[in-house]
């Protein structure tokens, strides 16, 4: 999931809740292309949204507090 964000983070979103649904759908589709084990798509999507929210929050906190070595994955403001 982290790689999906790093590949597709093209707008300075402040949290996963602020990300447009269209962007969330693109992130989910990209992640799903790496994980073809989707037996129940609605449960997989709910789990994805929950974990992606946590992961994006952690990634942005690292940047805010100067703990992220590389911010090249972020789009410029």
Protein backbone atom coordinates (compact mmCIF):
# COMPACT_ATOMS: atom_id res chain seq x y z
CA UNK A 1 0.00 0.00 0.00
CA UNK A 2 2.87 2.34 0.75
CA UNK A 3 4.19 1.81 -2.76
CA UNK A 4 0.79 2.68 -4.25
CA UNK A 5 0.83 6.00 -2.38
CA UNK A 6 4.40 6.71 -3.43
CA UNK A 7 3.56 5.92 -7.06
CA UNK A 8 0.26 7.81 -7.23
CA UNK A 9 0.42 10.67 -4.69
CA UNK A 10 -0.05 13.58 -7.09
CA UNK A 11 -1.97 16.09 -4.94
CA UNK A 12 -1.01 17.33 -1.46
CA UNK A 13 -3.79 15.57 0.49
CA UNK A 14 -3.67 16.24 4.23
CA UNK A 15 -5.39 12.98 5.16
CA UNK A 16 -6.98 9.94 3.55
CA UNK A 17 -10.41 11.33 4.40
CA UNK A 18 -9.69 14.37 2.20
CA UNK A 19 -8.70 12.28 -0.83
CA UNK A 20 -11.33 12.37 -3.59
CA UNK A 21 -13.25 9.12 -4.09
CA UNK A 22 -12.00 8.93 -7.70
CA UNK A 23 -8.41 8.98 -6.45
CA UNK A 24 -9.18 6.38 -3.77
CA UNK A 25 -10.68 4.20 -6.51
CA UNK A 26 -7.51 4.54 -8.63
CA UNK A 27 -5.32 3.68 -5.63
CA UNK A 28 -7.52 0.68 -4.82
CA UNK A 29 -7.48 -0.55 -8.43
CA UNK A 30 -3.70 -0.23 -8.57
CA UNK A 31 -3.29 -2.09 -5.27
CA UNK A 32 -5.80 -4.73 -6.38
CA UNK A 33 -3.75 -5.34 -9.53
CA UNK A 34 -0.90 -6.45 -7.24
CA UNK A 35 -3.20 -8.53 -5.00
CA UNK A 36 -5.48 -10.73 -7.06
CA UNK A 37 -6.86 -12.51 -3.99
CA UNK A 38 -10.08 -10.49 -3.77
CA UNK A 39 -12.68 -13.10 -2.84
CA UNK A 40 -15.12 -10.56 -1.34
CA UNK A 41 -14.56 -7.14 -2.94
CA UNK A 42 -16.58 -5.11 -0.43
CA UNK A 43 -14.69 -6.49 2.57
CA UNK A 44 -11.38 -6.08 0.75
CA UNK A 45 -12.25 -2.43 -0.05
CA UNK A 46 -13.24 -1.62 3.55
CA UNK A 47 -10.01 -3.16 4.80
CA UNK A 48 -8.03 -1.28 2.15
CA UNK A 49 -9.60 2.06 3.11
CA UNK A 50 -8.93 1.48 6.81
CA UNK A 51 -5.29 0.43 6.31
CA UNK A 52 -4.61 3.11 3.68
CA UNK A 53 -5.84 5.75 6.11
CA UNK A 54 -3.39 4.51 8.73
CA UNK A 55 -0.50 4.21 6.30
CA UNK A 56 -0.99 7.67 4.77
CA UNK A 57 -1.25 9.19 8.25
CA UNK A 58 2.03 7.55 9.29
CA UNK A 59 3.77 8.62 6.09
CA UNK A 60 2.64 12.24 6.47
CA UNK A 61 3.62 12.32 10.16
CA UNK A 62 7.13 11.19 9.23
CA UNK A 63 7.35 14.07 6.77
CA UNK A 64 5.93 16.62 9.24
CA UNK A 65 8.37 15.66 11.99
CA UNK A 66 11.40 15.33 9.71
CA UNK A 67 11.72 11.57 10.06
CA UNK A 68 11.21 10.83 6.36
CA UNK A 69 14.51 10.57 4.49
CA UNK A 70 13.03 11.10 1.04
CA UNK A 71 9.96 13.09 0.11
CA UNK A 72 10.41 12.66 -3.63
CA UNK A 73 7.13 10.73 -3.74
CA UNK A 74 5.20 13.87 -2.75
CA UNK A 75 3.98 16.32 -5.36
CA UNK A 76 5.19 19.90 -4.99
CA UNK A 77 2.69 22.42 -3.65
